[in-house]
Each structure stands twice: as C-alpha cells, then as structure tokens.
Amino acid sequence: MNYFEQFRLRREKVYESLFSANVLFITGLFVIPAILFNPSPVLRAAQFLFFWFLCWLAGKKNKALISIFVFLTIVGFNLLVPYGRVLYSIGTFTISYGALMTGINRAATLQGLIMLSRLTIRRDLKIPGSFGELIGESFQVLSKIIDSKLKITRKNFITDIDRLLIRLSEDEKVQEIQSNAAEKDGSLTAGGTKPMGFIIISFVVILSWLPLFFLVFS
C-alpha cells in the first residue's frame, strides 16, 4: 500500500469517526436546496468544487479526470444548440453565452449532487420505519456501487452486472459476520456525531448556502 492510499484511509477513518450516518444524511437534505435554488451557473460550479474538495477530505476516491470529462461533455452537448450572445465562432460552430451558461449550470448541478450524495450517504445509514429501512438499504446499495472498483462496460454488460451483484452479496455477508462478532464481544457501539463534527457540519451548511444568500442580499 503506497503513501497516498494510506493517507486517504486515514482521512476516511477520521471522517467516519466524526460523523454519524444519519446526521450526514440530514445534512445532505439541508444542502440540496442550496444547489437547486442557486441561479448562478458560476457559483453553482463553485459549489461543485467545494463538495468535490470535501469528498477528498473525507477520503472518498474521486477521479478528477472523469469529473472533468463528464463536466466538459455536458457543456459541449449544450453548445450544440447556440442561443444568446455569440462569444466565439469557428466556421459553423458557435459558442454562445446562453448555451455556455446553461451547460455549466447543468453540469455543476449533476456533479454537485453526485459529490454531495457520496459525502452524506454512508453504508451504515439507518432510517426508522419500514419505508425508511427500504430507502436506507437503497442508499447503501447506491453507495457501494459508487465506491466499487468494478466497471460496467457495454461489451460485457450482463457479466459485469452479475459480478457486481455477487460482490455486493459477499460484502453484505462479511458485514453481517463482523457485526455479529462485534455484538458477541460487546465492542459494537452506536457511534454518534462528535462535537467537532457538529461544528464542521455547521460550517459546511453555512458555506453551501452562502452563494445563494450572496445573490439574494447583494
């Protein structure tokens, strides 16, 4: 294991020790409107970068090249239908202000929500009630799929899906065995959010809503 992977695992361990899964989930619900109601594409892009940085701090495996590729792809597709003030033209291809801002807005929204979900939805999320249990399990599966190293390709689509389902089933069995062993040893405790965790969450929520407040009161 190289130094960078060890450093990532240390950040992930600190992240999991500071916050409980339920508090993170509630924080995500509070932050989502700050993205969706933000009318500025540039500030929404800043929110995406902010969440990307938080995911890095939390020890999540973020691939910058993939994020950049998806972002530019969404912007590029929007540029195919130009409208608004023309910024630059190359032959028949035109870059217009309206299409560019729309592309940035859509790309930042999608990427920002993905980063936020990775940050606030953990595998140990528990939501009370039968419906909450169903939603919680769905989020856990989504989190496992996102964090999984297995790739689904068009060439081996069925085989890759089958491998992914087998991996998820194996992970669930391992977690159940570890949980039962911890209960027998008396080492399984319900970890809550630490005071420092609440302070960090407060700052994250404030900084997430800051662009919207800036636009409203400026």
Protein backbone atom coordinates (compact mmCIF):
# COMPACT_ATOMS: atom_id res chain seq x y z
CA MET A 1 0.00 0.00 0.00
CA ASN A 2 1.53 3.32 -1.07
CA TYR A 3 1.67 6.54 0.94
CA PHE A 4 -1.25 8.21 -0.86
CA GLU A 5 -3.58 5.28 -0.19
CA GLN A 6 -2.57 5.25 3.48
CA PHE A 7 -3.22 8.99 3.69
CA ARG A 8 -6.65 8.51 2.10
CA LEU A 9 -7.53 5.75 4.55
CA ARG A 10 -6.54 7.96 7.48
CA ARG A 11 -8.80 10.74 6.20
CA GLU A 12 -11.64 8.25 5.73
CA LYS A 13 -11.19 6.93 9.28
CA VAL A 14 -11.34 10.45 10.74
CA TYR A 15 -14.44 11.24 8.64
CA GLU A 16 -16.26 8.10 9.84
CA SER A 17 -15.32 8.75 13.47
CA LEU A 18 -16.51 12.38 13.47
CA PHE A 19 -19.98 11.93 11.98
CA SER A 20 -22.87 9.52 12.25
CA ALA A 21 -24.56 8.31 9.07
CA ASN A 22 -27.97 9.77 10.00
CA VAL A 23 -26.58 13.23 10.75
CA LEU A 24 -24.74 13.24 7.43
CA PHE A 25 -27.94 12.24 5.63
CA ILE A 26 -29.93 15.06 7.27
CA THR A 27 -27.13 17.49 6.41
CA GLY A 28 -27.41 16.43 2.77
CA LEU A 29 -31.15 17.16 2.78
CA PHE A 30 -30.45 20.67 4.11
CA VAL A 31 -27.78 21.36 1.50
CA ILE A 32 -29.60 20.09 -1.63
CA PRO A 33 -31.86 23.20 -1.93
CA ALA A 34 -28.75 25.42 -1.75
CA ILE A 35 -27.66 23.87 -5.06
CA LEU A 36 -31.03 23.60 -6.79
CA PHE A 37 -32.16 27.16 -5.95
CA ASN A 38 -28.84 28.78 -6.86
CA PRO A 39 -29.48 30.69 -10.13
CA SER A 40 -25.83 31.48 -10.87
CA PRO A 41 -24.02 28.87 -13.02
CA VAL A 42 -20.62 30.15 -11.89
CA LEU A 43 -21.47 29.98 -8.18
CA ARG A 44 -23.10 26.59 -8.70
CA ALA A 45 -19.83 25.41 -10.26
CA ALA A 46 -18.04 26.76 -7.18
CA GLN A 47 -20.39 24.67 -5.01
CA PHE A 48 -19.50 21.58 -7.03
CA LEU A 49 -15.77 22.23 -6.49
CA PHE A 50 -16.44 22.74 -2.79
CA PHE A 51 -18.23 19.38 -2.49
CA TRP A 52 -15.50 17.70 -4.54
CA PHE A 53 -12.91 19.03 -2.09
CA LEU A 54 -14.98 17.82 0.88
CA CYS A 55 -15.18 14.34 -0.67
CA TRP A 56 -11.39 14.36 -0.98
CA LEU A 57 -11.06 15.39 2.68
CA ALA A 58 -13.42 12.55 3.65
CA GLY A 59 -11.17 10.02 1.93
CA LYS A 60 -13.52 9.31 -0.97
CA LYS A 61 -11.96 8.05 -4.19
CA ASN A 62 -12.51 10.94 -6.58
CA LYS A 63 -11.16 10.66 -10.10
CA ALA A 64 -10.56 14.21 -11.27
CA LEU A 65 -10.18 13.28 -14.96
CA ILE A 66 -13.58 11.55 -15.01
CA SER A 67 -15.26 14.51 -13.29
CA ILE A 68 -13.67 16.94 -15.76
CA PHE A 69 -14.62 14.73 -18.72
CA VAL A 70 -18.28 14.47 -17.65
CA PHE A 71 -18.43 18.20 -16.92
CA LEU A 72 -16.98 19.17 -20.33
CA THR A 73 -19.18 16.62 -22.12
CA ILE A 74 -22.37 18.09 -20.68
CA VAL A 75 -21.22 21.62 -21.52
CA GLY A 76 -20.23 20.52 -25.04
CA PHE A 77 -23.65 19.00 -25.79
CA ASN A 78 -25.34 22.22 -24.70
CA LEU A 79 -23.11 24.26 -27.01
CA LEU A 80 -24.55 22.36 -29.99
CA VAL A 81 -27.74 24.45 -29.68
CA PRO A 82 -26.46 28.05 -29.51
CA TYR A 83 -28.59 30.90 -28.23
CA GLY A 84 -27.88 34.29 -26.77
CA ARG A 85 -24.86 36.49 -27.36
CA VAL A 86 -22.20 34.96 -29.59
CA LEU A 87 -18.83 34.69 -27.83
CA TYR A 88 -16.75 32.90 -30.45
CA SER A 89 -17.21 31.26 -33.84
CA ILE A 90 -15.17 28.65 -35.70
CA GLY A 91 -16.75 28.05 -39.09
CA THR A 92 -20.26 26.79 -38.47
CA PHE A 93 -19.59 26.05 -34.80
CA THR A 94 -20.69 28.87 -32.49
CA ILE A 95 -20.09 29.32 -28.79
CA SER A 96 -22.92 31.40 -27.36
CA TYR A 97 -23.21 32.84 -23.88
CA GLY A 98 -26.67 31.38 -23.17
CA ALA A 99 -25.72 27.83 -24.20
CA LEU A 100 -22.43 28.01 -22.29
CA MET A 101 -24.09 29.16 -19.05
CA THR A 102 -26.82 26.52 -19.40
CA GLY A 103 -24.22 23.82 -19.91
CA ILE A 104 -22.20 24.93 -16.88
CA ASN A 105 -25.38 25.11 -14.81
CA ARG A 106 -26.48 21.58 -15.72
CA ALA A 107 -23.02 20.04 -15.38
CA ALA A 108 -22.39 21.70 -12.00
CA THR A 109 -25.81 20.61 -10.72
CA LEU A 110 -25.34 16.96 -11.70
CA GLN A 111 -21.76 16.75 -10.48
CA GLY A 112 -22.52 18.69 -7.30
CA LEU A 113 -25.39 16.38 -6.36
CA ILE A 114 -23.24 13.31 -7.05
CA MET A 115 -20.46 14.62 -4.82
CA LEU A 116 -22.96 15.57 -2.12
CA SER A 117 -24.52 12.09 -2.19
CA ARG A 118 -21.09 10.47 -1.86
CA LEU A 119 -20.35 12.71 1.09
CA THR A 120 -23.63 12.35 3.01
CA ILE A 121 -24.84 8.80 2.20
CA ARG A 122 -22.90 6.10 4.00
CA ARG A 123 -23.27 2.35 4.04
CA ASP A 124 -24.29 2.31 7.71
CA LEU A 125 -27.24 4.66 7.16
CA LYS A 126 -30.27 3.66 9.26
CA ILE A 127 -33.68 5.33 8.72
CA PRO A 128 -36.51 4.43 11.17
CA GLY A 129 -39.61 2.60 9.94
CA SER A 130 -40.22 0.05 7.21
CA PHE A 131 -40.19 2.64 4.42
CA GLY A 132 -37.12 4.27 5.94
CA GLU A 133 -35.39 0.88 6.08
CA LEU A 134 -36.13 0.34 2.38
CA ILE A 135 -34.80 3.80 1.48
CA GLY A 136 -31.76 3.30 3.70
CA GLU A 137 -30.91 -0.04 2.07
CA SER A 138 -31.32 1.54 -1.38
CA PHE A 139 -28.90 4.32 -0.45
CA GLN A 140 -26.46 1.77 0.96
CA VAL A 141 -26.51 -0.20 -2.29
CA LEU A 142 -26.04 3.02 -4.27
CA SER A 143 -23.07 3.95 -2.08
CA LYS A 144 -21.50 0.51 -2.57
CA ILE A 145 -21.97 0.71 -6.35
CA ILE A 146 -20.38 4.17 -6.49
CA ASP A 147 -17.42 3.09 -4.35
CA SER A 148 -17.00 -0.22 -6.15
CA LYS A 149 -13.89 -0.69 -8.29
CA LEU A 150 -15.81 -2.90 -10.71
CA LYS A 151 -16.66 -1.27 -14.02
CA ILE A 152 -19.73 -1.94 -16.15
CA THR A 153 -18.88 -1.96 -19.84
CA ARG A 154 -21.15 -2.16 -22.85
CA LYS A 155 -19.25 -5.14 -24.25
CA ASN A 156 -19.73 -7.33 -21.13
CA PHE A 157 -22.79 -5.62 -19.69
CA ILE A 158 -24.58 -8.72 -18.31
CA THR A 159 -21.37 -10.29 -16.98
CA ASP A 160 -20.30 -7.06 -15.27
CA ILE A 161 -23.73 -6.65 -13.65
CA ASP A 162 -23.56 -10.25 -12.41
CA ARG A 163 -20.07 -9.70 -10.94
CA LEU A 164 -21.24 -6.51 -9.24
CA LEU A 165 -24.25 -8.23 -7.64
CA ILE A 166 -22.04 -11.08 -6.41
CA ARG A 167 -19.60 -8.57 -4.91
CA LEU A 168 -22.45 -6.72 -3.14
CA SER A 169 -23.79 -10.02 -1.76
CA GLU A 170 -20.34 -11.01 -0.48
CA ASP A 171 -19.81 -7.60 1.14
CA GLU A 172 -23.19 -7.88 2.89
CA LYS A 173 -22.30 -11.31 4.30
CA VAL A 174 -18.91 -10.07 5.54
CA GLN A 175 -20.54 -7.05 7.23
CA GLU A 176 -23.13 -9.29 8.90
CA ILE A 177 -20.41 -11.64 10.24
CA GLN A 178 -18.38 -8.70 11.53
CA SER A 179 -21.45 -7.15 13.14
CA ASN A 180 -22.41 -10.41 14.89
CA ALA A 181 -18.84 -10.89 16.12
CA ALA A 182 -18.75 -7.34 17.47
CA GLU A 183 -22.04 -7.86 19.30
CA LYS A 184 -20.71 -11.01 20.99
CA ASP A 185 -17.54 -9.23 22.04
CA GLY A 186 -19.52 -6.26 23.30
CA SER A 187 -17.45 -3.95 21.13
CA LEU A 188 -20.29 -2.76 18.93
CA THR A 189 -21.33 0.73 19.99
CA ALA A 190 -23.56 3.26 18.34
CA GLY A 191 -21.18 5.97 17.23
CA GLY A 192 -22.74 9.39 17.29
CA THR A 193 -21.55 12.67 15.85
CA LYS A 194 -18.82 14.25 17.94
CA PRO A 195 -18.96 17.94 18.99
CA MET A 196 -16.24 18.79 16.47
CA GLY A 197 -18.32 17.01 13.84
CA PHE A 198 -21.31 19.29 14.53
CA ILE A 199 -19.05 22.34 14.27
CA ILE A 200 -17.71 21.15 10.89
CA ILE A 201 -21.23 20.38 9.64
CA SER A 202 -22.41 23.86 10.66
CA PHE A 203 -19.63 25.47 8.65
CA VAL A 204 -20.34 23.22 5.65
CA VAL A 205 -24.06 24.11 5.66
CA ILE A 206 -23.30 27.84 6.00
CA LEU A 207 -20.71 27.79 3.21
CA SER A 208 -23.09 25.77 0.98
CA TRP A 209 -25.87 28.35 1.39
CA LEU A 210 -23.52 31.36 1.20
CA PRO A 211 -23.69 31.78 -2.63
CA LEU A 212 -27.50 31.89 -2.56
CA PHE A 213 -27.57 34.39 0.31
CA PHE A 214 -24.97 36.48 -1.53
CA LEU A 215 -27.20 36.66 -4.62
CA VAL A 216 -30.36 37.40 -2.66
CA PHE A 217 -28.97 40.17 -0.48
CA SER A 218 -26.50 41.73 -2.91
